[in-house]
Protein backbone atom coordinates (compact mmCIF):
# COMPACT_ATOMS: atom_id res chain seq x y z
CA MET A 1 -51.72 113.23 104.16
CA PRO A 2 -54.63 112.51 106.41
CA SER A 3 -54.28 114.07 109.65
CA ALA A 4 -54.55 110.60 111.49
CA LEU A 5 -52.20 108.84 109.33
CA PHE A 6 -49.71 111.43 109.81
CA LYS A 7 -49.84 111.37 113.39
CA ARG A 8 -49.36 107.98 113.54
CA GLU A 9 -46.80 107.97 111.16
CA LYS A 10 -44.53 110.47 113.69
CA GLN A 11 -45.15 107.63 116.50
CA LEU A 12 -43.50 104.96 114.36
CA CYS A 13 -40.91 106.46 111.64
CA GLN A 14 -40.55 109.47 109.84
CA GLY A 15 -41.95 108.67 106.35
CA VAL A 16 -40.60 109.00 103.24
CA ASP A 17 -38.13 111.93 103.78
CA PRO A 18 -37.89 114.01 100.61
CA PHE A 19 -34.25 114.36 100.55
CA TRP A 20 -33.21 110.89 101.68
CA GLY A 21 -35.78 108.88 99.71
CA PRO A 22 -34.68 110.06 96.14
CA LEU A 23 -31.25 109.92 96.98
CA ALA A 24 -31.55 106.44 98.18
CA MET A 25 -33.29 105.61 95.00
CA ILE A 26 -30.39 106.88 92.63
CA LEU A 27 -27.82 105.65 94.84
CA THR A 28 -29.31 101.93 94.89
CA GLN A 29 -31.07 101.61 91.56
CA ASP A 30 -28.23 103.50 89.56
CA VAL A 31 -25.21 102.78 91.24
CA VAL A 32 -25.15 99.74 93.67
CA LEU A 33 -27.73 97.55 91.80
CA LYS A 34 -26.36 98.34 88.21
CA ASN A 35 -22.57 97.67 89.40
CA PHE A 36 -22.79 94.88 91.43
CA PHE A 37 -25.13 92.55 89.44
CA LYS A 38 -24.53 91.78 85.57
CA LYS A 39 -27.93 91.72 84.86
CA THR A 40 -31.46 91.84 86.64
CA THR A 41 -34.53 90.47 85.44
CA VAL A 42 -38.28 91.60 86.26
CA LEU A 43 -41.09 88.83 85.56
CA GLY A 44 -44.98 89.35 85.81
CA GLU A 45 -44.99 93.01 85.58
CA GLU A 46 -48.52 92.69 84.17
CA PHE A 47 -49.43 91.69 87.81
CA LEU A 48 -48.56 94.70 89.35
CA PRO A 49 -51.28 97.38 90.03
CA ASN A 50 -50.24 100.84 89.84
CA TYR A 51 -52.90 102.22 91.87
CA GLY A 52 -54.79 101.15 94.83
CA PRO A 53 -54.04 99.44 98.08
CA VAL A 54 -51.74 96.21 97.62
CA VAL A 55 -49.36 94.19 99.85
CA LEU A 56 -46.42 92.96 98.27
CA ALA A 57 -45.33 89.11 99.68
CA PRO A 58 -41.71 88.52 98.64
CA THR A 59 -39.75 85.64 99.50
CA HIS A 60 -36.47 86.46 101.57
CA ARG A 61 -33.23 85.19 100.42
CA ALA A 62 -30.95 87.83 101.01
CA ARG A 63 -30.67 91.63 102.12
CA TRP A 64 -30.39 92.33 98.33
CA ASP A 65 -34.24 91.80 98.45
CA ALA A 66 -34.76 95.21 100.09
CA LEU A 67 -33.00 96.99 97.05
CA MET A 68 -34.74 95.05 94.18
CA LEU A 69 -38.39 95.36 95.28
CA PRO A 70 -38.09 99.35 94.93
CA MET A 71 -36.36 98.93 91.62
CA ALA A 72 -39.24 96.49 90.19
CA ALA A 73 -42.19 97.98 92.04
CA GLY A 74 -41.00 101.51 93.55
CA ARG A 75 -41.40 104.99 92.24
CA ARG A 76 -39.83 104.75 88.85
CA VAL A 77 -42.41 102.18 87.79
CA THR A 78 -45.70 102.72 90.05
CA GLY A 79 -45.43 106.22 91.05
CA ARG A 80 -45.35 105.42 94.55
CA ASP A 81 -42.69 104.01 97.28
CA CYS A 82 -42.35 100.69 98.73
CA ARG A 83 -43.15 100.90 102.46
CA PHE A 84 -41.60 98.20 104.35
CA MET A 85 -42.66 96.47 107.23
CA VAL A 86 -39.18 95.35 109.21
CA THR A 87 -38.63 93.93 112.42
CA VAL A 88 -37.56 96.14 115.27
CA THR A 89 -34.01 94.62 115.26
CA GLU A 90 -33.61 96.31 111.92
CA MET A 91 -34.54 99.80 113.20
CA VAL A 92 -31.57 100.47 115.47
CA GLY A 93 -28.62 102.05 114.92
CA ILE A 94 -27.44 104.00 111.95
CA GLN A 95 -29.35 101.48 109.88
CA GLY A 96 -32.52 102.40 111.63
CA TRP A 97 -31.89 106.05 111.15
CA PHE A 98 -31.94 105.86 107.51
CA LEU A 99 -34.74 103.18 107.44
CA GLN A 100 -36.78 105.45 109.38
CA ARG A 101 -36.40 108.10 106.72
CA LEU A 102 -37.15 105.48 103.74
CA GLY A 103 -40.67 104.46 104.93
CA CYS A 104 -40.01 101.63 106.78
CA PHE A 105 -41.42 101.09 110.19
CA PRO A 106 -40.90 98.50 112.78
CA VAL A 107 -42.84 95.61 114.25
CA ASP A 108 -42.50 93.32 117.01
CA GLN A 109 -43.11 89.94 115.44
CA SER A 110 -43.84 88.45 118.32
CA LYS A 111 -46.31 90.73 119.62
CA PRO A 112 -47.35 93.42 116.95
CA SER A 113 -48.44 96.61 118.78
CA LEU A 114 -52.04 98.15 117.85
CA ALA A 115 -50.17 101.23 116.52
CA CYS A 116 -48.17 99.26 113.85
CA LEU A 117 -51.28 97.37 112.55
CA ARG A 118 -53.48 100.39 112.53
CA TYR A 119 -50.56 102.39 110.44
CA ALA A 120 -49.98 99.80 107.96
CA ILE A 121 -53.93 99.65 107.67
CA ASP A 122 -53.77 103.42 107.14
CA LEU A 123 -51.40 103.42 104.60
CA MET A 124 -53.52 101.07 102.79
CA THR A 125 -56.56 102.95 102.91
CA ASN A 126 -54.51 105.53 101.58
CA ASN A 127 -53.61 103.57 98.50
CA GLN A 128 -50.24 102.83 99.37
CA GLN A 129 -47.85 99.67 98.79
CA LEU A 130 -46.98 97.81 101.60
CA VAL A 131 -43.98 95.29 101.67
CA VAL A 132 -43.91 92.49 104.02
CA PHE A 133 -41.78 89.46 104.15
CA PRO A 134 -44.30 86.63 105.39
CA GLU A 135 -41.47 84.44 106.23
CA GLY A 136 -40.39 86.77 108.84
CA HIS A 137 -36.49 86.18 108.16
CA ILE A 138 -33.90 85.25 105.70
CA ARG A 139 -33.75 81.45 104.45
CA ARG A 140 -31.08 80.68 102.36
CA ASN A 141 -31.70 76.58 102.20
CA ASP A 142 -34.24 75.19 99.87
CA GLU A 143 -36.47 74.02 102.62
CA PRO A 144 -40.57 74.72 102.32
CA ILE A 145 -41.99 78.04 102.56
CA ILE A 146 -43.60 78.60 105.82
CA LEU A 147 -45.40 81.82 106.76
CA ARG A 148 -46.02 83.60 109.86
CA PRO A 149 -49.66 84.60 110.36
CA GLY A 150 -49.31 88.23 110.69
CA LEU A 151 -49.61 89.10 106.83
CA ALA A 152 -53.12 87.19 106.60
CA ARG A 153 -54.32 88.80 110.28
CA LEU A 154 -53.44 92.05 108.68
CA VAL A 155 -55.49 91.78 105.49
CA GLN A 156 -58.27 90.43 107.25
CA LEU A 157 -58.48 93.79 110.10
CA ALA A 158 -58.23 95.87 106.70
CA GLN A 159 -61.12 94.23 105.53
CA ARG A 160 -63.10 94.82 108.50
CA LYS A 161 -62.29 98.79 107.79
CA GLY A 162 -63.66 98.04 104.22
CA VAL A 163 -60.26 98.03 102.55
CA HIS A 164 -60.22 94.71 99.98
CA ILE A 165 -56.31 94.03 99.22
CA PRO A 166 -54.85 92.23 96.78
CA VAL A 167 -51.74 90.31 97.77
CA ILE A 168 -48.84 89.94 95.15
CA PRO A 169 -46.65 86.80 95.86
CA ILE A 170 -43.29 87.42 94.75
CA GLY A 171 -40.19 85.17 94.12
CA ILE A 172 -36.85 86.37 94.17
CA GLY A 173 -33.93 84.52 92.74
CA TYR A 174 -30.06 84.90 92.81
CA SER A 175 -27.41 82.82 90.11
CA GLU A 176 -25.81 81.93 93.48
CA PRO A 177 -27.49 81.52 96.92
CA VAL A 178 -25.11 83.92 98.36
CA PRO A 179 -25.53 86.90 95.75
CA LYS A 180 -22.00 87.75 94.69
CA PRO A 181 -20.61 90.46 92.21
CA PHE A 182 -21.45 90.34 88.54
CA GLY A 183 -24.32 87.81 89.15
CA HIS A 184 -27.75 87.80 87.95
CA ALA A 185 -30.72 88.30 90.27
CA ALA A 186 -34.21 88.37 89.03
CA LEU A 187 -37.72 88.82 90.49
CA CYS A 188 -41.02 87.78 89.64
CA PHE A 189 -44.50 88.91 90.03
CA GLY A 190 -47.32 86.27 90.84
CA LYS A 191 -51.05 86.67 90.17
CA PRO A 192 -52.77 88.56 93.04
CA LEU A 193 -54.47 86.70 95.77
CA GLN A 194 -57.15 87.72 98.02
CA LEU A 195 -58.18 87.10 101.59
CA LEU A 196 -62.41 87.73 101.31
CA VAL A 197 -63.10 85.72 104.40
CA SER A 198 -62.80 85.95 108.19
CA GLY A 199 -61.82 83.34 110.57
CA LYS A 200 -58.98 80.91 111.43
CA ASN A 201 -59.54 78.29 108.78
CA ALA A 202 -59.71 81.19 105.89
CA SER A 203 -56.36 82.66 107.20
CA GLU A 204 -54.56 79.36 107.11
CA GLU A 205 -56.28 78.56 103.72
CA PHE A 206 -54.93 81.81 102.30
CA ASN A 207 -51.14 81.01 103.91
CA ARG A 208 -51.02 77.52 101.95
CA ASN A 209 -52.54 79.19 98.82
CA LEU A 210 -49.57 81.88 99.02
CA SER A 211 -47.01 79.97 100.29
CA MET A 212 -47.60 78.14 96.98
CA SER A 213 -47.71 81.22 94.96
CA MET A 214 -44.42 82.79 96.49
CA HIS A 215 -42.70 78.97 95.83
CA ALA A 216 -43.82 79.05 91.74
CA ALA A 217 -42.87 82.98 91.53
CA GLU A 218 -39.39 81.91 93.11
CA GLN A 219 -39.02 78.98 90.90
CA ALA A 220 -39.68 81.05 87.81
CA ALA A 221 -36.88 83.72 89.19
CA LEU A 222 -34.51 80.72 89.61
CA LYS A 223 -35.10 79.44 86.00
CA ALA A 224 -34.65 82.92 84.87
CA VAL A 225 -30.98 83.12 86.74
CA GLY A 226 -30.28 79.77 85.46
CA ARG A 227 -30.28 77.70 88.86
CA LEU A 228 -33.10 75.46 87.47
């Protein structure tokens, strides 16, 4: 790991712990997911790159989303971990202790710190896959997808560093609005999007395209679980 990335990582989190990371993968994927859901389906795998920087941009409907993503795009599939950008409120207490050791790092959505943004860019510069929930919170109803501006700004900042990043829209669906035991879960990867132009107008246009692509992916996932 480059020294600059290592130093910045120590300011924000513990990285992926060599003990807790693999253990969490086994517990969540081989025990929790397999015993809670009767069936899990992954669609659009051909759109997920196995190398190079990438941002995964999923819909957020339940806490189960954070387990579905490593199952569909994590170490067993791509050979690399999902590095989650999570809200500061998630990184407290016992939960925060574990999240810090599973590659997650905090962001203040109202005022992201420079260290957080630089760390996210460093991860992508080093060909990691970053997970950002663009909606910013769990949304269980069927209202239109509204995205916060942070993801587009982050991609534009990375561009200034010479890093061009594909953003993968992802839809996650469950057979019930609130996932229940022995239900069906599905995750759908959409076609990669890129933001190659700077400026507010380009950012807003990118968010509109990303929102539509996330909605389309979510519709495919909901169809797969029988809710459409």
